[in-house]
N, C-alpha and C. Protein backbone atom coordinates (compact mmCIF):
# COMPACT_ATOMS: atom_id res chain seq x y z
N MET A 1 -2.10 1.71 -9.64
CA MET A 1 -1.43 1.48 -8.62
C MET A 1 -2.17 1.07 -7.24
N LYS A 2 -3.67 1.70 -7.14
CA LYS A 2 -4.48 1.29 -6.22
C LYS A 2 -4.84 -0.04 -6.26
N GLU A 3 -5.08 -0.65 -7.41
CA GLU A 3 -5.14 -1.91 -7.52
C GLU A 3 -4.16 -3.13 -7.00
N LEU A 4 -3.07 -2.60 -7.22
CA LEU A 4 -1.87 -3.43 -6.90
C LEU A 4 -1.74 -3.55 -5.17
N VAL A 5 -1.75 -2.52 -4.80
CA VAL A 5 -1.76 -2.16 -3.22
C VAL A 5 -2.93 -2.94 -2.70
N GLU A 6 -3.95 -2.84 -3.19
CA GLU A 6 -5.17 -3.59 -2.44
C GLU A 6 -4.99 -5.08 -2.61
N LEU A 7 -4.74 -5.52 -3.89
CA LEU A 7 -4.39 -7.00 -4.03
C LEU A 7 -3.39 -7.57 -2.91
N LEU A 8 -2.28 -6.59 -2.97
CA LEU A 8 -1.27 -7.15 -1.98
C LEU A 8 -1.73 -7.25 -0.47
N ALA A 9 -2.41 -6.30 -0.32
CA ALA A 9 -2.94 -5.99 1.23
C ALA A 9 -3.84 -7.20 1.52
N LYS A 10 -4.82 -7.37 0.73
CA LYS A 10 -5.86 -8.27 0.71
C LYS A 10 -5.26 -9.71 0.98
N SER A 11 -4.38 -10.04 0.42
CA SER A 11 -3.76 -11.33 0.36
C SER A 11 -2.80 -11.68 1.57
N LEU A 12 -2.58 -10.44 2.23
CA LEU A 12 -1.85 -10.78 3.56
C LEU A 12 -2.35 -10.72 5.02
N VAL A 13 -3.74 -10.12 4.88
CA VAL A 13 -4.50 -9.81 6.02
C VAL A 13 -5.46 -11.07 6.23
N ASP A 14 -6.11 -11.22 7.62
CA ASP A 14 -6.97 -12.02 7.95
C ASP A 14 -8.32 -11.52 7.55
N ASN A 15 -8.68 -10.23 7.42
CA ASN A 15 -9.80 -9.73 7.19
C ASN A 15 -9.74 -8.83 5.96
N PRO A 16 -9.93 -9.48 4.79
CA PRO A 16 -9.71 -8.67 3.63
C PRO A 16 -10.85 -7.74 3.22
N ASP A 17 -12.01 -7.98 3.79
CA ASP A 17 -13.07 -7.12 3.55
C ASP A 17 -13.07 -5.67 4.34
N GLN A 18 -12.05 -5.46 5.19
CA GLN A 18 -11.69 -4.26 6.14
C GLN A 18 -10.45 -3.45 5.34
N VAL A 19 -9.95 -4.02 4.24
CA VAL A 19 -8.94 -3.23 3.60
C VAL A 19 -9.52 -2.12 2.75
N GLU A 20 -9.01 -0.87 3.09
CA GLU A 20 -9.40 0.35 2.39
C GLU A 20 -8.34 1.04 1.74
N VAL A 21 -8.33 1.30 0.47
CA VAL A 21 -7.28 1.97 -0.29
C VAL A 21 -7.83 3.46 -0.81
N ARG A 22 -7.26 4.18 -0.69
CA ARG A 22 -7.52 5.67 -1.27
C ARG A 22 -6.28 6.05 -2.15
N GLU A 23 -6.71 6.52 -3.13
CA GLU A 23 -5.72 7.37 -4.11
C GLU A 23 -5.88 8.72 -4.40
N ILE A 24 -4.82 9.34 -3.87
CA ILE A 24 -4.89 10.96 -3.88
C ILE A 24 -3.65 11.46 -4.96
N ASP A 25 -4.49 12.03 -5.94
CA ASP A 25 -3.52 12.58 -7.07
C ASP A 25 -3.21 13.90 -6.87
N SER A 26 -1.86 14.29 -7.23
CA SER A 26 -1.36 15.83 -7.02
C SER A 26 -0.57 16.05 -8.19
N GLU A 27 -0.16 17.09 -8.12
CA GLU A 27 0.73 17.67 -9.45
C GLU A 27 1.97 16.71 -9.68
N ARG A 28 2.71 16.36 -8.69
CA ARG A 28 4.08 15.77 -8.64
C ARG A 28 3.78 14.19 -8.35
N SER A 29 3.07 13.92 -7.58
CA SER A 29 3.04 12.56 -7.28
C SER A 29 1.49 11.91 -6.84
N THR A 30 1.56 10.61 -6.58
CA THR A 30 0.25 10.10 -6.33
C THR A 30 0.42 9.41 -4.80
N ILE A 31 -0.50 9.77 -4.01
CA ILE A 31 -0.24 9.20 -2.66
C ILE A 31 -1.46 7.96 -2.58
N ILE A 32 -0.93 6.77 -1.99
CA ILE A 32 -2.01 5.82 -1.70
C ILE A 32 -2.04 5.64 -0.34
N GLU A 33 -3.29 5.73 0.35
CA GLU A 33 -3.23 5.52 1.81
C GLU A 33 -4.05 4.13 1.86
N LEU A 34 -3.49 3.20 2.55
CA LEU A 34 -3.86 1.81 2.91
C LEU A 34 -4.35 1.81 4.46
N GLN A 35 -5.46 1.46 4.75
CA GLN A 35 -6.04 1.05 5.91
C GLN A 35 -6.47 -0.22 5.95
N VAL A 36 -6.03 -0.76 7.22
CA VAL A 36 -6.45 -2.56 7.42
C VAL A 36 -6.91 -2.38 8.82
N ALA A 37 -7.63 -3.52 9.18
CA ALA A 37 -8.37 -3.84 10.57
C ALA A 37 -6.93 -3.72 11.56
N PRO A 38 -7.23 -2.98 12.94
CA PRO A 38 -6.17 -3.07 13.69
C PRO A 38 -5.36 -4.46 14.00
N ASP A 39 -5.99 -5.46 13.93
CA ASP A 39 -5.41 -6.73 14.29
C ASP A 39 -4.54 -7.23 13.18
N ASP A 40 -4.70 -6.53 11.83
CA ASP A 40 -3.95 -6.86 10.70
C ASP A 40 -2.89 -5.99 10.42
N MET A 41 -2.62 -4.79 11.30
CA MET A 41 -1.71 -3.95 11.05
C MET A 41 -0.41 -4.61 11.20
N GLY A 42 0.09 -5.38 12.05
CA GLY A 42 1.33 -5.97 11.98
C GLY A 42 1.65 -7.04 10.91
N LYS A 43 0.89 -7.52 10.19
CA LYS A 43 1.02 -8.34 9.05
C LYS A 43 1.24 -7.54 7.80
N VAL A 44 0.76 -6.33 7.69
CA VAL A 44 1.12 -5.55 6.57
C VAL A 44 2.32 -4.77 6.91
N ILE A 45 2.78 -4.49 8.08
CA ILE A 45 4.11 -3.74 8.18
C ILE A 45 5.18 -4.83 8.20
N GLY A 46 5.10 -6.07 8.87
CA GLY A 46 5.95 -6.94 8.85
C GLY A 46 7.09 -6.75 9.99
N LYS A 47 8.07 -7.62 10.31
CA LYS A 47 9.08 -7.39 11.09
C LYS A 47 9.94 -6.28 10.57
N GLN A 48 10.15 -5.34 11.28
CA GLN A 48 11.17 -4.42 11.26
C GLN A 48 10.72 -3.53 9.82
N GLY A 49 9.34 -3.72 9.44
CA GLY A 49 9.17 -2.90 8.28
C GLY A 49 9.31 -3.69 6.96
N LYS A 50 9.48 -5.01 7.04
CA LYS A 50 10.10 -5.37 5.76
C LYS A 50 8.94 -5.62 4.62
N ILE A 51 7.76 -5.87 5.24
CA ILE A 51 6.62 -5.99 4.33
C ILE A 51 6.10 -4.94 3.77
N ALA A 52 5.85 -3.72 4.72
CA ALA A 52 5.87 -2.50 4.33
C ALA A 52 6.68 -1.88 3.17
N ARG A 53 8.13 -2.25 3.25
CA ARG A 53 9.10 -1.58 2.43
C ARG A 53 8.97 -2.51 0.97
N ALA A 54 8.51 -3.80 1.10
CA ALA A 54 8.29 -4.37 -0.08
C ALA A 54 7.29 -3.89 -0.76
N ILE A 55 6.03 -3.76 -0.27
CA ILE A 55 5.07 -3.02 -0.79
C ILE A 55 5.47 -1.73 -1.55
N ARG A 56 6.04 -0.78 -1.07
CA ARG A 56 6.39 0.54 -1.46
C ARG A 56 7.39 0.33 -2.60
N THR A 57 8.15 -0.98 -2.52
CA THR A 57 9.23 -1.24 -3.70
C THR A 57 8.26 -1.42 -4.67
N LEU A 58 7.42 -2.34 -4.76
CA LEU A 58 6.73 -2.88 -5.85
C LEU A 58 5.99 -1.85 -6.29
N THR A 59 5.28 -0.72 -5.71
CA THR A 59 4.52 0.47 -6.23
C THR A 59 5.43 1.11 -7.17
N LYS A 60 6.52 1.51 -6.35
CA LYS A 60 7.41 2.57 -6.94
C LYS A 60 8.09 1.82 -8.33
N ALA A 61 8.32 0.72 -8.49
CA ALA A 61 8.83 0.04 -9.64
C ALA A 61 7.55 0.13 -10.65
N ALA A 62 6.46 -0.12 -10.34
CA ALA A 62 5.28 -0.12 -11.28
C ALA A 62 5.03 1.33 -11.63
N ALA A 63 5.15 2.23 -10.65
CA ALA A 63 4.98 3.54 -11.07
C ALA A 63 5.94 4.19 -11.97
N ALA A 64 7.18 3.56 -11.79
CA ALA A 64 8.36 4.06 -12.65
C ALA A 64 8.07 3.74 -14.06
N LYS A 65 7.56 2.67 -14.30
CA LYS A 65 7.18 2.20 -15.55
C LYS A 65 6.40 3.27 -16.14
N GLU A 66 5.46 3.84 -15.55
CA GLU A 66 4.56 4.84 -16.21
C GLU A 66 5.04 6.27 -16.03
N GLY A 67 6.31 6.39 -15.44
CA GLY A 67 6.86 7.74 -15.45
C GLY A 67 6.12 8.46 -14.22
N LYS A 68 5.65 7.95 -13.24
CA LYS A 68 5.04 8.63 -12.05
C LYS A 68 5.66 8.42 -10.83
N ARG A 69 5.46 9.19 -9.56
CA ARG A 69 6.06 8.92 -8.40
C ARG A 69 5.00 8.68 -7.49
N VAL A 70 5.30 7.61 -6.65
CA VAL A 70 4.04 7.07 -5.87
C VAL A 70 4.46 7.07 -4.36
N VAL A 71 3.72 7.43 -3.45
CA VAL A 71 4.05 7.40 -2.04
C VAL A 71 2.94 6.48 -1.31
N VAL A 72 3.29 5.25 -0.66
CA VAL A 72 2.20 4.52 0.08
C VAL A 72 2.43 4.80 1.61
N GLU A 73 1.10 5.13 2.13
CA GLU A 73 1.14 5.68 3.40
C GLU A 73 0.28 4.38 4.23
N ILE A 74 0.72 3.77 5.14
CA ILE A 74 -0.08 2.69 5.93
C ILE A 74 -0.82 3.71 7.14
N MET A 75 -2.20 3.69 7.17
CA MET A 75 -2.86 4.45 8.03
C MET A 75 -3.30 3.65 9.15
N ARG A 76 -3.88 4.26 10.22
CA ARG A 76 -4.32 3.44 11.67
C ARG A 76 -5.59 3.61 11.22
C-alpha cells in the first residue's frame, strides 16, 4: 500500500522528492501517513477533497483484495 500511495502522490506534485510516506501497522488496520511540500498540499487534496478521496478509494480497494483495512492520512 505504501508504494501505491507514494506513486500516486509523486505523480501529482511538483516536488516529488519531498513526498514522504510512512506505514504504521496495528492489529486491526494499517495507517498510511502522506506528507508533501506545503506548496503541493492543494494538489494532493484537490477541489473539495476529490483527489484525496480518490487516493483513499484506491488504497481501500487494493487493501480489500488482501483482506486488510487501510486508513490514509494526509499530514501537514
